[in-house]
Each structure stands twice: as C-alpha cells, then as structure tokens.
Amino acid sequence: MNSNFEETRRRTLDLLDTTRRATRSALSHLDSQMVVHTDERAWRVRDVVGHLGVWNGEAARSLGAYAEGGEYFCMTANGVYDEYNGPAAEERKTWTMERVWAEYEASHAQLKSIIESMPAEKWEGVMVFPWNEQGTIEQLIKRMMKHETKDHCNLIIKATSLGQKGGQGQMKRTGAL
C-alpha cells in the first residue's frame, strides 16, 4: 500500500501544480473585466478566478476536516449552486485583481499542503466533498481540477479564440460548480 499511496499522492500533487500553472497561463494575460461566459449572469475573468479560489478553498476545508477525523460541506447535496456562487462572487466584486489572484494561489497552496501531510491511512477512505457528496481524496482533487480546467479555463480559451476571430467572445457555461 505504501508505494501505491505515495504514487497516488505524487500524481495528485502533480495535477494540482499542472492545473495551477495552466490556469495562470490561460487567464493572467486577459483583461480581468472581459466577460468570458454567461449562465444566470455574466462571468468576467476576475469572477472566474475568484470562483476557482473560493471552491478550491472549500475543497481545502473539506480535506482539512477529513484529515482531523471530521467532515465539512458548504451546501446540501441538493443545494442550488447559484445560491452559493452568487454571494461569493458579489463579495469579491470590490476586490482588486491582485487580491483575487492571491486568494486563488492561497487556496491551491492550502490544498497542496493538506495533500502533502495527509496520513497514508486516509487516502483510501471516503470523505465528504464541499457540496456534500462523498468520495476519496483523489476523486475530490480530480473533480476540482476538472472543474477548473474543463468547466472554466478551456471554455474561456475557446471564448477568447472566438472573440479574436470575430465571434462573440463568450459562451454559456455548463457545469454544476
């Protein structure tokens, strides 16, 4: 189990680092006020970065609680994501972009730190995710990083490519978080 556990931890840490670098690369050069996709509201680049920081922070809280033998979630399993996302976005409206990026970076660092120190016996156990579903540590991180890349960053890259080619420059987002 030890070598398998260490390999899983290494892959998970690599995924965190790769995702953080890709997100920075994809978004840091864009105008923070540019609307990049819409659903119930218009999402600017700054809103997306803030959203990712918030949810990665929630994942870190869930991981930390699990490491200490508890559980944490910020909504019920049947929770309406917009009831959580809306107030979180509203709170960050007045933040500088530097503060938004700082929260994003801090949440990634927090995830990484918790993963690095997670006891071996916890890796195969079942934990509660921030949205009150259950799974393993590796499943949580994979889902969070997919949320970051596929649900947001790849959509923004596609939207900005369309904008450069004379398209609308924004797309409708599909995804729960």
N, C-alpha and C. Protein backbone atom coordinates (compact mmCIF):
# COMPACT_ATOMS: atom_id res chain seq x y z
N MET A 1 0.82 -1.20 0.00
CA MET A 1 0.00 0.00 0.00
C MET A 1 0.86 1.26 0.00
N ASN A 2 1.99 1.27 0.69
CA ASN A 2 2.79 2.47 0.84
C ASN A 2 3.25 3.04 -0.50
N SER A 3 3.78 2.19 -1.40
CA SER A 3 4.24 2.71 -2.69
C SER A 3 3.06 3.18 -3.53
N ASN A 4 1.94 2.47 -3.47
CA ASN A 4 0.74 2.89 -4.20
C ASN A 4 0.22 4.22 -3.66
N PHE A 5 0.20 4.35 -2.35
CA PHE A 5 -0.22 5.59 -1.72
C PHE A 5 0.69 6.76 -2.12
N GLU A 6 1.99 6.53 -2.08
CA GLU A 6 2.92 7.59 -2.45
C GLU A 6 2.79 7.97 -3.92
N GLU A 7 2.54 7.00 -4.78
CA GLU A 7 2.34 7.28 -6.21
C GLU A 7 1.06 8.09 -6.41
N THR A 8 0.02 7.73 -5.70
CA THR A 8 -1.25 8.48 -5.80
C THR A 8 -1.06 9.90 -5.30
N ARG A 9 -0.36 10.07 -4.20
CA ARG A 9 -0.09 11.41 -3.67
C ARG A 9 0.71 12.22 -4.70
N ARG A 10 1.75 11.62 -5.27
CA ARG A 10 2.57 12.32 -6.26
C ARG A 10 1.74 12.75 -7.46
N ARG A 11 0.91 11.86 -7.98
CA ARG A 11 0.05 12.20 -9.13
C ARG A 11 -0.92 13.32 -8.78
N THR A 12 -1.45 13.26 -7.58
CA THR A 12 -2.40 14.29 -7.13
C THR A 12 -1.71 15.64 -7.01
N LEU A 13 -0.52 15.66 -6.44
CA LEU A 13 0.24 16.91 -6.33
C LEU A 13 0.64 17.44 -7.71
N ASP A 14 1.03 16.54 -8.60
CA ASP A 14 1.36 16.95 -9.97
C ASP A 14 0.14 17.57 -10.66
N LEU A 15 -1.03 16.98 -10.46
CA LEU A 15 -2.25 17.52 -11.06
C LEU A 15 -2.54 18.92 -10.52
N LEU A 16 -2.39 19.11 -9.23
CA LEU A 16 -2.59 20.44 -8.64
C LEU A 16 -1.64 21.46 -9.26
N ASP A 17 -0.35 21.11 -9.34
CA ASP A 17 0.65 22.04 -9.87
C ASP A 17 0.41 22.33 -11.35
N THR A 18 0.14 21.30 -12.12
CA THR A 18 -0.10 21.47 -13.56
C THR A 18 -1.32 22.35 -13.81
N THR A 19 -2.37 22.10 -13.05
CA THR A 19 -3.61 22.87 -13.22
C THR A 19 -3.39 24.33 -12.86
N ARG A 20 -2.70 24.59 -11.74
CA ARG A 20 -2.45 25.97 -11.32
C ARG A 20 -1.65 26.71 -12.39
N ARG A 21 -0.61 26.08 -12.90
CA ARG A 21 0.21 26.73 -13.94
C ARG A 21 -0.62 26.98 -15.21
N ALA A 22 -1.44 26.02 -15.60
CA ALA A 22 -2.25 26.18 -16.81
C ALA A 22 -3.28 27.30 -16.64
N THR A 23 -3.87 27.38 -15.46
CA THR A 23 -4.86 28.43 -15.21
C THR A 23 -4.19 29.80 -15.25
N ARG A 24 -3.07 29.93 -14.60
CA ARG A 24 -2.32 31.19 -14.63
C ARG A 24 -1.97 31.57 -16.07
N SER A 25 -1.49 30.61 -16.81
CA SER A 25 -1.10 30.86 -18.20
C SER A 25 -2.29 31.27 -19.06
N ALA A 26 -3.42 30.62 -18.85
CA ALA A 26 -4.60 30.89 -19.67
C ALA A 26 -5.28 32.20 -19.32
N LEU A 27 -5.26 32.60 -18.05
CA LEU A 27 -6.09 33.72 -17.62
C LEU A 27 -5.34 34.99 -17.24
N SER A 28 -4.09 34.89 -16.82
CA SER A 28 -3.42 36.06 -16.25
C SER A 28 -3.19 37.18 -17.27
N HIS A 29 -3.13 36.87 -18.54
CA HIS A 29 -2.88 37.91 -19.55
C HIS A 29 -4.18 38.55 -20.06
N LEU A 30 -5.33 38.03 -19.66
CA LEU A 30 -6.60 38.55 -20.15
C LEU A 30 -7.06 39.75 -19.33
N ASP A 31 -7.83 40.61 -19.95
CA ASP A 31 -8.45 41.74 -19.26
C ASP A 31 -9.38 41.19 -18.19
N SER A 32 -9.16 41.55 -16.96
CA SER A 32 -9.95 41.00 -15.85
C SER A 32 -11.43 41.35 -15.93
N GLN A 33 -11.77 42.39 -16.70
CA GLN A 33 -13.17 42.81 -16.82
C GLN A 33 -13.89 42.17 -18.02
N MET A 34 -13.14 41.44 -18.83
CA MET A 34 -13.74 40.83 -20.03
C MET A 34 -14.75 39.75 -19.63
N VAL A 35 -15.95 39.83 -20.20
CA VAL A 35 -16.96 38.81 -19.99
C VAL A 35 -16.59 37.62 -20.87
N VAL A 36 -16.45 36.45 -20.23
CA VAL A 36 -15.99 35.28 -20.96
C VAL A 36 -17.02 34.17 -21.08
N HIS A 37 -18.03 34.17 -20.24
CA HIS A 37 -19.14 33.26 -20.43
C HIS A 37 -20.32 33.68 -19.56
N THR A 38 -21.46 33.13 -19.89
CA THR A 38 -22.68 33.51 -19.19
C THR A 38 -23.47 32.26 -18.81
N ASP A 39 -24.21 32.37 -17.76
CA ASP A 39 -25.26 31.42 -17.41
C ASP A 39 -26.36 32.29 -16.80
N GLU A 40 -26.59 32.24 -15.51
CA GLU A 40 -27.58 33.13 -14.91
C GLU A 40 -27.07 34.57 -14.83
N ARG A 41 -25.77 34.75 -15.03
CA ARG A 41 -25.17 36.08 -15.01
C ARG A 41 -23.93 36.07 -15.89
N ALA A 42 -23.41 37.25 -16.16
CA ALA A 42 -22.19 37.37 -16.96
C ALA A 42 -20.99 37.11 -16.05
N TRP A 43 -20.07 36.28 -16.53
CA TRP A 43 -18.86 35.96 -15.80
C TRP A 43 -17.68 36.66 -16.46
N ARG A 44 -17.02 37.56 -15.71
CA ARG A 44 -15.80 38.18 -16.17
C ARG A 44 -14.62 37.28 -15.77
N VAL A 45 -13.46 37.55 -16.34
CA VAL A 45 -12.27 36.78 -15.99
C VAL A 45 -12.07 36.82 -14.48
N ARG A 46 -12.19 37.98 -13.88
CA ARG A 46 -12.00 38.11 -12.43
C ARG A 46 -12.99 37.29 -11.64
N ASP A 47 -14.22 37.16 -12.14
CA ASP A 47 -15.23 36.35 -11.46
C ASP A 47 -14.85 34.87 -11.50
N VAL A 48 -14.33 34.45 -12.64
CA VAL A 48 -13.93 33.05 -12.78
C VAL A 48 -12.77 32.73 -11.84
N VAL A 49 -11.75 33.58 -11.82
CA VAL A 49 -10.61 33.34 -10.93
C VAL A 49 -11.08 33.33 -9.48
N GLY A 50 -11.95 34.26 -9.12
CA GLY A 50 -12.49 34.29 -7.76
C GLY A 50 -13.28 33.04 -7.44
N HIS A 51 -14.08 32.60 -8.38
CA HIS A 51 -14.89 31.38 -8.22
C HIS A 51 -13.99 30.17 -7.99
N LEU A 52 -12.93 30.06 -8.76
CA LEU A 52 -12.00 28.94 -8.60
C LEU A 52 -11.32 28.99 -7.24
N GLY A 53 -10.93 30.18 -6.82
CA GLY A 53 -10.30 30.32 -5.50
C GLY A 53 -11.25 29.94 -4.37
N VAL A 54 -12.49 30.36 -4.48
CA VAL A 54 -13.49 30.03 -3.46
C VAL A 54 -13.69 28.53 -3.37
N TRP A 55 -13.93 27.89 -4.50
CA TRP A 55 -14.20 26.45 -4.48
C TRP A 55 -12.98 25.63 -4.09
N ASN A 56 -11.79 26.04 -4.50
CA ASN A 56 -10.59 25.33 -4.05
C ASN A 56 -10.41 25.50 -2.54
N GLY A 57 -10.78 26.66 -2.02
CA GLY A 57 -10.75 26.88 -0.57
C GLY A 57 -11.74 25.98 0.16
N GLU A 58 -12.91 25.82 -0.43
CA GLU A 58 -13.91 24.92 0.17
C GLU A 58 -13.41 23.47 0.15
N ALA A 59 -12.76 23.08 -0.94
CA ALA A 59 -12.19 21.73 -1.02
C ALA A 59 -11.12 21.55 0.05
N ALA A 60 -10.31 22.58 0.26
CA ALA A 60 -9.27 22.51 1.30
C ALA A 60 -9.90 22.36 2.68
N ARG A 61 -10.99 23.07 2.94
CA ARG A 61 -11.67 22.94 4.23
C ARG A 61 -12.20 21.52 4.42
N SER A 62 -12.77 20.94 3.36
CA SER A 62 -13.25 19.56 3.45
C SER A 62 -12.11 18.59 3.71
N LEU A 63 -10.99 18.77 2.99
CA LEU A 63 -9.83 17.90 3.20
C LEU A 63 -9.27 18.04 4.61
N GLY A 64 -9.17 19.28 5.08
CA GLY A 64 -8.66 19.51 6.43
C GLY A 64 -9.54 18.87 7.49
N ALA A 65 -10.83 19.00 7.33
CA ALA A 65 -11.76 18.38 8.29
C ALA A 65 -11.61 16.87 8.26
N TYR A 66 -11.50 16.31 7.06
CA TYR A 66 -11.33 14.86 6.92
C TYR A 66 -10.03 14.40 7.57
N ALA A 67 -8.95 15.14 7.38
CA ALA A 67 -7.66 14.78 7.98
C ALA A 67 -7.75 14.73 9.50
N GLU A 68 -8.61 15.58 10.06
CA GLU A 68 -8.77 15.65 11.52
C GLU A 68 -9.89 14.74 12.04
N GLY A 69 -10.46 13.93 11.15
CA GLY A 69 -11.49 12.99 11.57
C GLY A 69 -12.91 13.51 11.49
N GLY A 70 -13.09 14.67 10.89
CA GLY A 70 -14.43 15.26 10.79
C GLY A 70 -14.89 15.37 9.35
N GLU A 71 -15.86 16.21 9.14
CA GLU A 71 -16.33 16.49 7.79
C GLU A 71 -16.77 17.94 7.70
N TYR A 72 -16.72 18.47 6.50
CA TYR A 72 -17.14 19.84 6.22
C TYR A 72 -17.80 19.87 4.86
N PHE A 73 -18.92 20.58 4.77
CA PHE A 73 -19.53 20.87 3.48
C PHE A 73 -20.21 22.22 3.59
N CYS A 74 -20.30 22.90 2.47
CA CYS A 74 -20.85 24.26 2.46
C CYS A 74 -22.26 24.33 1.89
N MET A 75 -22.77 23.21 1.41
CA MET A 75 -24.15 23.17 0.89
C MET A 75 -24.66 21.75 1.00
N THR A 76 -25.97 21.62 0.93
CA THR A 76 -26.54 20.29 0.97
C THR A 76 -26.33 19.61 -0.36
N ALA A 77 -26.49 18.30 -0.40
CA ALA A 77 -26.29 17.55 -1.65
C ALA A 77 -27.20 18.06 -2.75
N ASN A 78 -28.36 18.51 -2.39
CA ASN A 78 -29.30 19.02 -3.38
C ASN A 78 -29.27 20.54 -3.45
N GLY A 79 -28.19 21.12 -2.94
CA GLY A 79 -28.08 22.58 -2.90
C GLY A 79 -28.08 23.20 -4.27
N VAL A 80 -28.56 24.40 -4.31
CA VAL A 80 -28.57 25.17 -5.56
C VAL A 80 -27.25 25.94 -5.60
N TYR A 81 -26.42 25.61 -6.57
CA TYR A 81 -25.08 26.19 -6.64
C TYR A 81 -25.11 27.70 -6.78
N ASP A 82 -26.07 28.23 -7.49
CA ASP A 82 -26.13 29.68 -7.67
C ASP A 82 -26.39 30.40 -6.35
N GLU A 83 -27.06 29.74 -5.41
CA GLU A 83 -27.27 30.35 -4.10
C GLU A 83 -25.96 30.49 -3.33
N TYR A 84 -24.99 29.66 -3.66
CA TYR A 84 -23.66 29.77 -3.06
C TYR A 84 -22.76 30.66 -3.92
N ASN A 85 -22.74 30.41 -5.23
CA ASN A 85 -21.84 31.12 -6.13
C ASN A 85 -22.14 32.62 -6.19
N GLY A 86 -23.41 32.99 -6.22
CA GLY A 86 -23.79 34.40 -6.34
C GLY A 86 -23.22 35.26 -5.23
N PRO A 87 -23.50 34.92 -3.96
CA PRO A 87 -22.94 35.73 -2.87
C PRO A 87 -21.40 35.73 -2.84
N ALA A 88 -20.79 34.60 -3.18
CA ALA A 88 -19.32 34.55 -3.20
C ALA A 88 -18.77 35.50 -4.26
N ALA A 89 -19.41 35.55 -5.43
CA ALA A 89 -18.98 36.47 -6.49
C ALA A 89 -19.24 37.91 -6.08
N GLU A 90 -20.38 38.16 -5.48
CA GLU A 90 -20.74 39.51 -5.04
C GLU A 90 -19.72 40.05 -4.03
N GLU A 91 -19.29 39.20 -3.11
CA GLU A 91 -18.31 39.60 -2.09
C GLU A 91 -17.00 40.05 -2.73
N ARG A 92 -16.61 39.44 -3.85
CA ARG A 92 -15.33 39.71 -4.48
C ARG A 92 -15.39 40.85 -5.51
N LYS A 93 -16.55 41.41 -5.75
CA LYS A 93 -16.69 42.47 -6.75
C LYS A 93 -15.79 43.67 -6.48
N THR A 94 -15.58 43.98 -5.23
CA THR A 94 -14.80 45.16 -4.88
C THR A 94 -13.32 44.85 -4.67
N TRP A 95 -12.94 43.59 -4.73
CA TRP A 95 -11.55 43.21 -4.54
C TRP A 95 -10.72 43.62 -5.74
N THR A 96 -9.45 43.90 -5.50
CA THR A 96 -8.54 44.12 -6.61
C THR A 96 -8.26 42.77 -7.28
N MET A 97 -7.82 42.82 -8.51
CA MET A 97 -7.49 41.57 -9.19
C MET A 97 -6.32 40.88 -8.50
N GLU A 98 -5.41 41.65 -7.93
CA GLU A 98 -4.29 41.07 -7.19
C GLU A 98 -4.80 40.27 -6.00
N ARG A 99 -5.81 40.80 -5.31
CA ARG A 99 -6.38 40.08 -4.16
C ARG A 99 -7.10 38.81 -4.61
N VAL A 100 -7.79 38.87 -5.74
CA VAL A 100 -8.48 37.69 -6.28
C VAL A 100 -7.46 36.61 -6.61
N TRP A 101 -6.37 37.00 -7.31
CA TRP A 101 -5.32 36.02 -7.63
C TRP A 101 -4.66 35.49 -6.36
N ALA A 102 -4.48 36.35 -5.37
CA ALA A 102 -3.86 35.92 -4.11
C ALA A 102 -4.71 34.85 -3.43
N GLU A 103 -6.04 35.03 -3.44
CA GLU A 103 -6.92 34.02 -2.85
C GLU A 103 -6.82 32.71 -3.64
N TYR A 104 -6.79 32.83 -4.96
CA TYR A 104 -6.67 31.64 -5.81
C TYR A 104 -5.38 30.88 -5.48
N GLU A 105 -4.26 31.60 -5.44
CA GLU A 105 -2.97 30.98 -5.15
C GLU A 105 -2.94 30.38 -3.74
N ALA A 106 -3.50 31.10 -2.78
CA ALA A 106 -3.52 30.60 -1.40
C ALA A 106 -4.35 29.33 -1.28
N SER A 107 -5.46 29.26 -2.00
CA SER A 107 -6.30 28.06 -1.92
C SER A 107 -5.58 26.85 -2.54
N HIS A 108 -4.85 27.08 -3.63
CA HIS A 108 -4.07 25.99 -4.22
C HIS A 108 -2.95 25.56 -3.26
N ALA A 109 -2.30 26.51 -2.65
CA ALA A 109 -1.23 26.19 -1.69
C ALA A 109 -1.79 25.42 -0.50
N GLN A 110 -2.97 25.79 -0.06
CA GLN A 110 -3.61 25.10 1.05
C GLN A 110 -3.95 23.66 0.67
N LEU A 111 -4.52 23.47 -0.53
CA LEU A 111 -4.80 22.11 -1.00
C LEU A 111 -3.52 21.28 -1.03
N LYS A 112 -2.47 21.85 -1.59
CA LYS A 112 -1.20 21.15 -1.72
C LYS A 112 -0.63 20.77 -0.35
N SER A 113 -0.66 21.69 0.58
CA SER A 113 -0.14 21.44 1.92
C SER A 113 -0.91 20.32 2.61
N ILE A 114 -2.21 20.32 2.49
CA ILE A 114 -3.01 19.27 3.13
C ILE A 114 -2.74 17.92 2.48
N ILE A 115 -2.62 17.90 1.16
CA ILE A 115 -2.32 16.65 0.45
C ILE A 115 -0.96 16.12 0.89
N GLU A 116 0.03 17.01 0.99
CA GLU A 116 1.38 16.59 1.38
C GLU A 116 1.41 15.96 2.78
N SER A 117 0.56 16.46 3.66
CA SER A 117 0.61 15.98 5.05
C SER A 117 -0.49 14.96 5.38
N MET A 118 -1.31 14.59 4.43
CA MET A 118 -2.40 13.65 4.69
C MET A 118 -1.83 12.28 5.07
N PRO A 119 -2.28 11.73 6.19
CA PRO A 119 -1.80 10.40 6.60
C PRO A 119 -2.15 9.32 5.57
N ALA A 120 -1.29 8.35 5.44
CA ALA A 120 -1.47 7.27 4.46
C ALA A 120 -2.80 6.57 4.63
N GLU A 121 -3.22 6.33 5.86
CA GLU A 121 -4.46 5.59 6.09
C GLU A 121 -5.71 6.33 5.64
N LYS A 122 -5.60 7.61 5.38
CA LYS A 122 -6.76 8.41 4.94
C LYS A 122 -6.99 8.33 3.42
N TRP A 123 -5.98 7.92 2.66
CA TRP A 123 -6.06 8.01 1.21
C TRP A 123 -7.13 7.12 0.59
N GLU A 124 -7.38 6.00 1.14
CA GLU A 124 -8.39 5.09 0.57
C GLU A 124 -9.76 5.28 1.19
N GLY A 125 -9.84 6.10 2.23
CA GLY A 125 -11.11 6.32 2.92
C GLY A 125 -12.05 7.20 2.12
N VAL A 126 -13.28 7.26 2.59
CA VAL A 126 -14.31 8.08 1.96
C VAL A 126 -14.49 9.35 2.78
N MET A 127 -14.47 10.46 2.11
CA MET A 127 -14.63 11.77 2.74
C MET A 127 -15.85 12.47 2.17
N VAL A 128 -16.25 13.57 2.82
CA VAL A 128 -17.36 14.38 2.34
C VAL A 128 -16.79 15.55 1.56
N PHE A 129 -17.30 15.75 0.34
CA PHE A 129 -16.88 16.87 -0.50
C PHE A 129 -17.63 18.13 -0.07
N PRO A 130 -17.18 19.30 -0.48
CA PRO A 130 -17.83 20.55 -0.06
C PRO A 130 -19.32 20.63 -0.43
N TRP A 131 -19.72 19.96 -1.49
CA TRP A 131 -21.12 20.01 -1.93
C TRP A 131 -21.90 18.80 -1.39
N ASN A 132 -21.34 18.14 -0.37
CA ASN A 132 -21.98 17.07 0.39
C ASN A 132 -22.17 15.78 -0.39
N GLU A 133 -21.28 15.50 -1.32
CA GLU A 133 -21.18 14.18 -1.93
C GLU A 133 -19.97 13.51 -1.30
N GLN A 134 -19.80 12.22 -1.56
CA GLN A 134 -18.69 11.50 -0.95
C GLN A 134 -17.78 10.86 -1.99
N GLY A 135 -16.53 10.68 -1.61
CA GLY A 135 -15.55 10.03 -2.46
C GLY A 135 -14.19 10.06 -1.79
N THR A 136 -13.17 9.67 -2.53
CA THR A 136 -11.81 9.65 -1.99
C THR A 136 -11.13 11.00 -2.20
N ILE A 137 -10.00 11.16 -1.58
CA ILE A 137 -9.19 12.38 -1.75
C ILE A 137 -8.86 12.58 -3.23
N GLU A 138 -8.38 11.51 -3.86
CA GLU A 138 -8.00 11.61 -5.26
C GLU A 138 -9.20 12.00 -6.13
N GLN A 139 -10.37 11.45 -5.84
CA GLN A 139 -11.57 11.80 -6.61
C GLN A 139 -11.93 13.27 -6.43
N LEU A 140 -11.80 13.78 -5.21
CA LEU A 140 -12.09 15.20 -4.96
C LEU A 140 -11.16 16.08 -5.78
N ILE A 141 -9.87 15.82 -5.72
CA ILE A 141 -8.90 16.66 -6.43
C ILE A 141 -9.10 16.57 -7.94
N LYS A 142 -9.32 15.38 -8.45
CA LYS A 142 -9.57 15.24 -9.89
C LYS A 142 -10.81 16.02 -10.30
N ARG A 143 -11.84 15.95 -9.50
CA ARG A 143 -13.08 16.67 -9.83
C ARG A 143 -12.87 18.18 -9.77
N MET A 144 -12.15 18.64 -8.75
CA MET A 144 -11.89 20.07 -8.62
C MET A 144 -11.03 20.59 -9.77
N MET A 145 -10.02 19.84 -10.15
CA MET A 145 -9.14 20.30 -11.22
C MET A 145 -9.84 20.19 -12.58
N LYS A 146 -10.74 19.25 -12.75
CA LYS A 146 -11.55 19.19 -13.97
C LYS A 146 -12.48 20.41 -14.01
N HIS A 147 -13.05 20.74 -12.87
CA HIS A 147 -13.89 21.94 -12.76
C HIS A 147 -13.10 23.17 -13.20
N GLU A 148 -11.88 23.25 -12.76
CA GLU A 148 -11.03 24.41 -13.09
C GLU A 148 -10.67 24.44 -14.57
N THR A 149 -10.25 23.31 -15.11
CA THR A 149 -9.77 23.31 -16.50
C THR A 149 -10.91 23.20 -17.50
N LYS A 150 -11.67 22.15 -17.44
CA LYS A 150 -12.70 21.91 -18.47
C LYS A 150 -13.91 22.82 -18.32
N ASP A 151 -14.37 23.01 -17.10
CA ASP A 151 -15.58 23.80 -16.90
C ASP A 151 -15.34 25.29 -17.02
N HIS A 152 -14.10 25.72 -16.84
CA HIS A 152 -13.84 27.16 -16.87
C HIS A 152 -12.73 27.55 -17.82
N CYS A 153 -11.50 27.15 -17.56
CA CYS A 153 -10.36 27.64 -18.37
C CYS A 153 -10.48 27.28 -19.84
N ASN A 154 -10.78 26.03 -20.15
CA ASN A 154 -10.90 25.65 -21.56
C ASN A 154 -12.03 26.40 -22.24
N LEU A 155 -13.11 26.64 -21.52
CA LEU A 155 -14.24 27.40 -22.06
C LEU A 155 -13.81 28.85 -22.35
N ILE A 156 -13.03 29.42 -21.46
CA ILE A 156 -12.56 30.79 -21.65
C ILE A 156 -11.59 30.86 -22.83
N ILE A 157 -10.68 29.91 -22.92
CA ILE A 157 -9.75 29.89 -24.06
C ILE A 157 -10.53 29.82 -25.36
N LYS A 158 -11.54 28.97 -25.41
CA LYS A 158 -12.37 28.85 -26.61
C LYS A 158 -13.11 30.16 -26.88
N ALA A 159 -13.67 30.76 -25.83
CA ALA A 159 -14.42 32.01 -25.99
C ALA A 159 -13.52 33.14 -26.48
N THR A 160 -12.32 33.24 -25.92
CA THR A 160 -11.43 34.32 -26.35
C THR A 160 -10.90 34.07 -27.75
N SER A 161 -10.76 32.82 -28.13
CA SER A 161 -10.36 32.49 -29.51
C SER A 161 -11.46 32.90 -30.48
N LEU A 162 -12.71 32.65 -30.10
CA LEU A 162 -13.84 33.07 -30.93
C LEU A 162 -13.86 34.59 -31.06
N GLY A 163 -13.59 35.27 -29.94
CA GLY A 163 -13.58 36.72 -29.96
C GLY A 163 -12.51 37.27 -30.88
N GLN A 164 -11.36 36.63 -30.91
CA GLN A 164 -10.27 37.07 -31.78
C GLN A 164 -10.59 36.81 -33.25
N LYS A 165 -11.47 35.83 -33.49
CA LYS A 165 -11.85 35.51 -34.87
C LYS A 165 -13.14 36.20 -35.29
N GLY A 166 -13.59 37.14 -34.47
CA GLY A 166 -14.79 37.87 -34.82
C GLY A 166 -16.06 37.27 -34.25
N GLY A 167 -15.92 36.26 -33.39
CA GLY A 167 -17.09 35.67 -32.75
C GLY A 167 -17.54 36.52 -31.59
N GLN A 168 -18.42 36.02 -30.79
CA GLN A 168 -18.98 36.79 -29.70
C GLN A 168 -18.03 36.95 -28.53
N GLY A 169 -17.09 36.04 -28.34
CA GLY A 169 -16.13 36.16 -27.25
C GLY A 169 -16.64 35.67 -25.92
N GLN A 170 -17.80 35.05 -25.89
CA GLN A 170 -18.29 34.48 -24.64
C GLN A 170 -19.16 33.28 -24.97
N MET A 171 -19.25 32.39 -24.01
CA MET A 171 -20.01 31.17 -24.21
C MET A 171 -20.82 30.89 -22.97
N LYS A 172 -21.83 30.08 -23.12
CA LYS A 172 -22.63 29.63 -21.98
C LYS A 172 -21.89 28.51 -21.29
N ARG A 173 -21.79 28.60 -19.97
CA ARG A 173 -21.11 27.59 -19.17
C ARG A 173 -22.07 26.49 -18.82
N THR A 174 -21.59 25.27 -18.86
CA THR A 174 -22.36 24.13 -18.38
C THR A 174 -21.54 23.43 -17.33
N GLY A 175 -22.08 23.21 -16.20
CA GLY A 175 -21.36 22.56 -15.11
C GLY A 175 -21.95 23.02 -13.80
N ALA A 176 -21.92 22.16 -12.81
CA ALA A 176 -22.60 22.44 -11.56
C ALA A 176 -21.91 23.49 -10.71
N LEU A 177 -20.61 23.36 -10.48
CA LEU A 177 -19.94 24.28 -9.55
C LEU A 177 -19.81 25.58 -10.22
